[in-house]
Amino acid sequence: LTLGPTFVKLGQVLSTRTDVVPKEYIDVLKSLQDDVPAFSGAKAKQIVVQELGLNDISDLFVDFDETPLAAASLGQVHRATLKGIRNGTSVLQPVAIKVQRAGLKELFDVDLKNLRKLCE
C-alpha cells in the first residue's frame, strides 16, 4: 500500500499522540518519521534547475552533493556550494538546499479527493 503525502503527514502527527493512539499503533506509525526513501540526487538537481529557472545547476552552485543529508515525506536536504559576489570579490558559500518532492500538489489533490469520498 502506497500512501500519499497527506496520509503520511497524518500518520506522522498521530505517531506523537500517545494520549490518543494505542502504543502498538504508535510503534508502527513512528516508522513514517524515519523510513522515508530519498529520491535520486539527479532528480533533486532537476527540480532545483526547473524551480529556479536555471539552464544548469552549475549556473548557481559550484557543487551540489547528490547524496541527501536527510530525506522526509515532503522533501530532502542536500549540501551545495553557492557562487556569489561580495564587494566585487567572488565568494563561495556552503549552503543546505531543501528540495521539495516533485508533484506534491497533485498528490495532495488526490489525497484530499479521497478523503472527501471517505467522509461522504
N, C-alpha and C. Protein backbone atom coordinates (compact mmCIF):
# COMPACT_ATOMS: atom_id res chain seq x y z
N LEU A 1 0.85 -1.19 0.00
CA LEU A 1 0.00 0.00 0.00
C LEU A 1 0.88 1.23 0.00
N THR A 2 0.65 2.13 -0.93
CA THR A 2 1.40 3.38 -1.00
C THR A 2 0.49 4.51 -0.56
N LEU A 3 0.93 5.24 0.45
CA LEU A 3 0.15 6.36 0.96
C LEU A 3 0.61 7.65 0.32
N GLY A 4 -0.33 8.55 0.06
CA GLY A 4 0.02 9.86 -0.43
C GLY A 4 0.56 10.71 0.71
N PRO A 5 1.11 11.89 0.38
CA PRO A 5 1.76 12.73 1.39
C PRO A 5 0.82 13.19 2.51
N THR A 6 -0.46 13.36 2.21
CA THR A 6 -1.41 13.79 3.24
C THR A 6 -1.53 12.71 4.32
N PHE A 7 -1.64 11.46 3.89
CA PHE A 7 -1.80 10.36 4.83
C PHE A 7 -0.50 10.10 5.60
N VAL A 8 0.64 10.27 4.94
CA VAL A 8 1.92 10.12 5.63
C VAL A 8 2.04 11.17 6.72
N LYS A 9 1.72 12.42 6.39
CA LYS A 9 1.78 13.50 7.39
C LYS A 9 0.81 13.23 8.54
N LEU A 10 -0.38 12.78 8.23
CA LEU A 10 -1.36 12.46 9.26
C LEU A 10 -0.82 11.36 10.18
N GLY A 11 -0.22 10.34 9.60
CA GLY A 11 0.38 9.27 10.39
C GLY A 11 1.52 9.77 11.26
N GLN A 12 2.33 10.70 10.72
CA GLN A 12 3.43 11.26 11.49
C GLN A 12 2.90 12.04 12.70
N VAL A 13 1.85 12.79 12.48
CA VAL A 13 1.26 13.54 13.59
C VAL A 13 0.69 12.59 14.63
N LEU A 14 -0.04 11.57 14.17
CA LEU A 14 -0.64 10.60 15.10
C LEU A 14 0.42 9.84 15.90
N SER A 15 1.61 9.65 15.30
CA SER A 15 2.66 8.91 16.00
C SER A 15 3.17 9.63 17.24
N THR A 16 2.85 10.90 17.35
CA THR A 16 3.28 11.67 18.53
C THR A 16 2.18 11.76 19.59
N ARG A 17 1.00 11.22 19.30
CA ARG A 17 -0.16 11.36 20.19
C ARG A 17 -0.37 10.10 21.01
N THR A 18 0.52 9.87 21.95
CA THR A 18 0.41 8.69 22.81
C THR A 18 -0.81 8.76 23.72
N ASP A 19 -1.37 9.96 23.87
CA ASP A 19 -2.56 10.11 24.69
C ASP A 19 -3.84 9.68 23.96
N VAL A 20 -3.76 9.51 22.65
CA VAL A 20 -4.93 9.20 21.84
C VAL A 20 -4.83 7.84 21.15
N VAL A 21 -3.62 7.48 20.75
CA VAL A 21 -3.41 6.29 19.93
C VAL A 21 -2.73 5.21 20.77
N PRO A 22 -3.20 3.96 20.69
CA PRO A 22 -2.57 2.86 21.44
C PRO A 22 -1.09 2.67 21.06
N LYS A 23 -0.30 2.22 22.02
CA LYS A 23 1.14 2.07 21.85
C LYS A 23 1.51 1.23 20.63
N GLU A 24 0.80 0.13 20.39
CA GLU A 24 1.16 -0.73 19.26
C GLU A 24 1.01 0.00 17.92
N TYR A 25 0.08 0.92 17.84
CA TYR A 25 -0.06 1.73 16.62
C TYR A 25 1.03 2.79 16.55
N ILE A 26 1.35 3.37 17.69
CA ILE A 26 2.41 4.39 17.75
C ILE A 26 3.72 3.82 17.21
N ASP A 27 4.04 2.60 17.64
CA ASP A 27 5.29 1.97 17.20
C ASP A 27 5.35 1.83 15.68
N VAL A 28 4.24 1.47 15.07
CA VAL A 28 4.19 1.33 13.61
C VAL A 28 4.21 2.70 12.94
N LEU A 29 3.42 3.64 13.45
CA LEU A 29 3.35 4.97 12.84
C LEU A 29 4.68 5.72 12.93
N LYS A 30 5.48 5.42 13.96
CA LYS A 30 6.79 6.08 14.10
C LYS A 30 7.69 5.80 12.90
N SER A 31 7.48 4.67 12.23
CA SER A 31 8.30 4.36 11.07
C SER A 31 8.10 5.39 9.96
N LEU A 32 6.96 6.07 9.97
CA LEU A 32 6.72 7.13 8.97
C LEU A 32 7.62 8.33 9.21
N GLN A 33 8.16 8.45 10.42
CA GLN A 33 9.08 9.55 10.74
C GLN A 33 10.46 9.28 10.16
N ASP A 34 10.86 8.00 10.13
CA ASP A 34 12.24 7.66 9.81
C ASP A 34 12.44 6.94 8.49
N ASP A 35 11.50 6.13 8.09
CA ASP A 35 11.68 5.25 6.94
C ASP A 35 11.17 5.87 5.65
N VAL A 36 11.67 7.05 5.33
CA VAL A 36 11.24 7.73 4.11
C VAL A 36 12.36 7.61 3.09
N PRO A 37 12.10 6.96 1.96
CA PRO A 37 13.16 6.80 0.96
C PRO A 37 13.48 8.13 0.28
N ALA A 38 14.76 8.31 0.00
CA ALA A 38 15.20 9.50 -0.73
C ALA A 38 14.91 9.32 -2.22
N PHE A 39 14.75 10.44 -2.92
CA PHE A 39 14.73 10.36 -4.38
C PHE A 39 16.14 10.65 -4.86
N SER A 40 16.42 10.39 -6.11
CA SER A 40 17.80 10.47 -6.61
C SER A 40 18.34 11.90 -6.58
N GLY A 41 19.65 11.98 -6.45
CA GLY A 41 20.31 13.28 -6.50
C GLY A 41 20.14 13.95 -7.85
N ALA A 42 20.10 13.14 -8.90
CA ALA A 42 19.87 13.69 -10.25
C ALA A 42 18.49 14.34 -10.32
N LYS A 43 17.49 13.70 -9.71
CA LYS A 43 16.14 14.26 -9.67
C LYS A 43 16.12 15.55 -8.87
N ALA A 44 16.85 15.58 -7.75
CA ALA A 44 16.93 16.79 -6.92
C ALA A 44 17.52 17.94 -7.73
N LYS A 45 18.59 17.67 -8.46
CA LYS A 45 19.20 18.71 -9.31
C LYS A 45 18.20 19.21 -10.35
N GLN A 46 17.49 18.27 -10.97
CA GLN A 46 16.49 18.62 -11.99
C GLN A 46 15.42 19.54 -11.40
N ILE A 47 14.95 19.23 -10.20
CA ILE A 47 13.92 20.04 -9.55
C ILE A 47 14.45 21.44 -9.26
N VAL A 48 15.68 21.54 -8.74
CA VAL A 48 16.28 22.85 -8.43
C VAL A 48 16.43 23.68 -9.70
N VAL A 49 16.94 23.06 -10.75
CA VAL A 49 17.12 23.77 -12.03
C VAL A 49 15.78 24.29 -12.55
N GLN A 50 14.77 23.45 -12.51
CA GLN A 50 13.44 23.83 -13.01
C GLN A 50 12.82 24.93 -12.15
N GLU A 51 12.85 24.75 -10.83
CA GLU A 51 12.20 25.72 -9.93
C GLU A 51 12.89 27.08 -9.94
N LEU A 52 14.21 27.10 -10.13
CA LEU A 52 14.94 28.38 -10.11
C LEU A 52 15.16 28.96 -11.51
N GLY A 53 14.68 28.24 -12.53
CA GLY A 53 14.80 28.75 -13.90
C GLY A 53 16.23 28.79 -14.41
N LEU A 54 17.04 27.83 -14.01
CA LEU A 54 18.43 27.76 -14.43
C LEU A 54 18.57 26.95 -15.70
N ASN A 55 19.68 27.13 -16.41
CA ASN A 55 20.00 26.25 -17.53
C ASN A 55 20.68 24.98 -17.04
N ASP A 56 21.49 25.16 -15.98
CA ASP A 56 22.23 24.05 -15.40
C ASP A 56 22.48 24.35 -13.93
N ILE A 57 22.64 23.33 -13.13
CA ILE A 57 22.89 23.51 -11.70
C ILE A 57 24.16 24.32 -11.45
N SER A 58 25.13 24.21 -12.39
CA SER A 58 26.40 24.92 -12.24
C SER A 58 26.26 26.43 -12.46
N ASP A 59 25.10 26.88 -12.94
CA ASP A 59 24.85 28.32 -13.08
C ASP A 59 24.87 29.00 -11.71
N LEU A 60 24.49 28.29 -10.67
CA LEU A 60 24.35 28.88 -9.34
C LEU A 60 25.24 28.23 -8.28
N PHE A 61 25.58 26.96 -8.50
CA PHE A 61 26.34 26.22 -7.49
C PHE A 61 27.64 25.68 -8.07
N VAL A 62 28.71 25.78 -7.29
CA VAL A 62 30.00 25.20 -7.67
C VAL A 62 29.90 23.68 -7.57
N ASP A 63 29.24 23.22 -6.53
CA ASP A 63 28.99 21.78 -6.40
C ASP A 63 27.64 21.57 -5.73
N PHE A 64 27.11 20.39 -5.94
CA PHE A 64 25.82 20.00 -5.38
C PHE A 64 25.93 18.53 -5.05
N ASP A 65 25.93 18.20 -3.76
CA ASP A 65 26.08 16.81 -3.33
C ASP A 65 24.80 16.04 -3.63
N GLU A 66 24.93 15.02 -4.46
CA GLU A 66 23.74 14.24 -4.85
C GLU A 66 23.23 13.33 -3.74
N THR A 67 24.04 13.11 -2.72
CA THR A 67 23.60 12.29 -1.60
C THR A 67 22.93 13.19 -0.57
N PRO A 68 21.64 12.98 -0.29
CA PRO A 68 20.96 13.87 0.66
C PRO A 68 21.45 13.67 2.09
N LEU A 69 21.46 14.78 2.84
CA LEU A 69 21.75 14.71 4.27
C LEU A 69 20.62 14.01 5.00
N ALA A 70 19.40 14.28 4.55
CA ALA A 70 18.21 13.70 5.16
C ALA A 70 17.09 13.70 4.13
N ALA A 71 16.19 12.73 4.28
CA ALA A 71 15.01 12.67 3.42
C ALA A 71 13.78 12.62 4.31
N ALA A 72 12.73 13.30 3.87
CA ALA A 72 11.48 13.34 4.61
C ALA A 72 10.33 13.15 3.64
N SER A 73 9.13 13.14 4.18
CA SER A 73 7.97 12.86 3.35
C SER A 73 7.71 13.92 2.28
N LEU A 74 8.09 15.15 2.55
CA LEU A 74 7.82 16.22 1.60
C LEU A 74 9.05 16.68 0.82
N GLY A 75 10.22 16.26 1.22
CA GLY A 75 11.42 16.68 0.52
C GLY A 75 12.67 16.13 1.16
N GLN A 76 13.81 16.65 0.73
CA GLN A 76 15.08 16.22 1.29
C GLN A 76 16.07 17.37 1.22
N VAL A 77 17.18 17.22 1.94
CA VAL A 77 18.17 18.29 2.06
C VAL A 77 19.50 17.83 1.47
N HIS A 78 20.09 18.72 0.67
CA HIS A 78 21.39 18.45 0.03
C HIS A 78 22.37 19.57 0.39
N ARG A 79 23.65 19.20 0.48
CA ARG A 79 24.70 20.21 0.63
C ARG A 79 25.07 20.72 -0.75
N ALA A 80 25.44 22.00 -0.78
CA ALA A 80 25.89 22.60 -2.03
C ALA A 80 26.82 23.77 -1.68
N THR A 81 27.50 24.27 -2.69
CA THR A 81 28.32 25.46 -2.53
C THR A 81 27.82 26.50 -3.51
N LEU A 82 27.30 27.58 -2.95
CA LEU A 82 26.68 28.66 -3.71
C LEU A 82 27.74 29.62 -4.23
N LYS A 83 27.64 29.98 -5.53
CA LYS A 83 28.50 31.00 -6.11
C LYS A 83 27.96 32.36 -5.71
N GLY A 84 28.84 33.32 -5.50
CA GLY A 84 28.37 34.65 -5.19
C GLY A 84 29.45 35.69 -5.37
N ILE A 85 29.05 36.94 -5.27
CA ILE A 85 29.99 38.07 -5.33
C ILE A 85 29.67 38.98 -4.18
N ARG A 86 30.70 39.30 -3.39
CA ARG A 86 30.54 40.21 -2.27
C ARG A 86 31.63 41.27 -2.37
N ASN A 87 31.21 42.54 -2.43
CA ASN A 87 32.15 43.66 -2.56
C ASN A 87 33.07 43.47 -3.75
N GLY A 88 32.52 43.00 -4.85
CA GLY A 88 33.30 42.83 -6.07
C GLY A 88 34.21 41.62 -6.08
N THR A 89 34.16 40.81 -5.03
CA THR A 89 35.01 39.63 -4.94
C THR A 89 34.16 38.38 -5.02
N SER A 90 34.63 37.42 -5.79
CA SER A 90 33.94 36.14 -5.90
C SER A 90 34.04 35.39 -4.58
N VAL A 91 32.90 34.91 -4.08
CA VAL A 91 32.88 34.16 -2.83
C VAL A 91 32.11 32.86 -3.02
N LEU A 92 32.45 31.88 -2.23
CA LEU A 92 31.76 30.60 -2.23
C LEU A 92 31.15 30.40 -0.86
N GLN A 93 29.88 30.04 -0.82
CA GLN A 93 29.15 29.90 0.44
C GLN A 93 28.59 28.49 0.55
N PRO A 94 29.03 27.73 1.58
CA PRO A 94 28.39 26.42 1.78
C PRO A 94 26.94 26.62 2.22
N VAL A 95 26.03 25.87 1.62
CA VAL A 95 24.61 26.01 1.93
C VAL A 95 23.96 24.63 2.01
N ALA A 96 22.81 24.60 2.64
CA ALA A 96 21.95 23.42 2.63
C ALA A 96 20.73 23.77 1.79
N ILE A 97 20.40 22.92 0.85
CA ILE A 97 19.30 23.15 -0.07
C ILE A 97 18.18 22.16 0.24
N LYS A 98 17.01 22.67 0.60
CA LYS A 98 15.86 21.80 0.82
C LYS A 98 15.10 21.69 -0.50
N VAL A 99 14.97 20.49 -0.99
CA VAL A 99 14.34 20.24 -2.29
C VAL A 99 13.01 19.54 -2.04
N GLN A 100 11.94 20.18 -2.47
CA GLN A 100 10.60 19.61 -2.30
C GLN A 100 10.37 18.52 -3.34
N ARG A 101 9.75 17.44 -2.92
CA ARG A 101 9.45 16.35 -3.85
C ARG A 101 8.59 16.86 -5.01
N ALA A 102 8.84 16.36 -6.19
CA ALA A 102 8.09 16.76 -7.37
C ALA A 102 6.66 16.25 -7.29
N GLY A 103 5.73 17.04 -7.80
CA GLY A 103 4.34 16.60 -7.93
C GLY A 103 3.54 16.56 -6.65
N LEU A 104 3.99 17.23 -5.59
CA LEU A 104 3.26 17.17 -4.32
C LEU A 104 1.86 17.75 -4.40
N LYS A 105 1.69 18.86 -5.11
CA LYS A 105 0.37 19.47 -5.19
C LYS A 105 -0.64 18.49 -5.77
N GLU A 106 -0.25 17.82 -6.84
CA GLU A 106 -1.15 16.86 -7.47
C GLU A 106 -1.47 15.70 -6.52
N LEU A 107 -0.45 15.24 -5.79
CA LEU A 107 -0.66 14.15 -4.84
C LEU A 107 -1.58 14.57 -3.69
N PHE A 108 -1.39 15.80 -3.20
CA PHE A 108 -2.28 16.31 -2.15
C PHE A 108 -3.71 16.41 -2.67
N ASP A 109 -3.87 16.86 -3.92
CA ASP A 109 -5.20 16.96 -4.51
C ASP A 109 -5.89 15.59 -4.55
N VAL A 110 -5.15 14.56 -4.94
CA VAL A 110 -5.72 13.20 -4.99
C VAL A 110 -6.08 12.75 -3.58
N ASP A 111 -5.18 12.98 -2.62
CA ASP A 111 -5.46 12.60 -1.23
C ASP A 111 -6.71 13.28 -0.70
N LEU A 112 -6.83 14.57 -0.96
CA LEU A 112 -7.99 15.32 -0.46
C LEU A 112 -9.28 14.85 -1.13
N LYS A 113 -9.19 14.52 -2.40
CA LYS A 113 -10.36 13.97 -3.10
C LYS A 113 -10.78 12.65 -2.45
N ASN A 114 -9.80 11.80 -2.13
CA ASN A 114 -10.10 10.52 -1.49
C ASN A 114 -10.66 10.72 -0.08
N LEU A 115 -10.13 11.69 0.64
CA LEU A 115 -10.67 11.99 1.99
C LEU A 115 -12.12 12.46 1.91
N ARG A 116 -12.42 13.29 0.90
CA ARG A 116 -13.81 13.74 0.73
C ARG A 116 -14.74 12.54 0.50
N LYS A 117 -14.30 11.59 -0.32
CA LYS A 117 -15.11 10.40 -0.59
C LYS A 117 -15.32 9.59 0.68
N LEU A 118 -14.28 9.49 1.51
CA LEU A 118 -14.41 8.75 2.77
C LEU A 118 -15.39 9.42 3.72
N CYS A 119 -15.48 10.72 3.66
CA CYS A 119 -16.36 11.47 4.56
C CYS A 119 -17.81 11.45 4.11
N GLU A 120 -18.06 11.09 2.88
CA GLU A 120 -19.44 11.11 2.36
C GLU A 120 -20.24 9.93 2.87
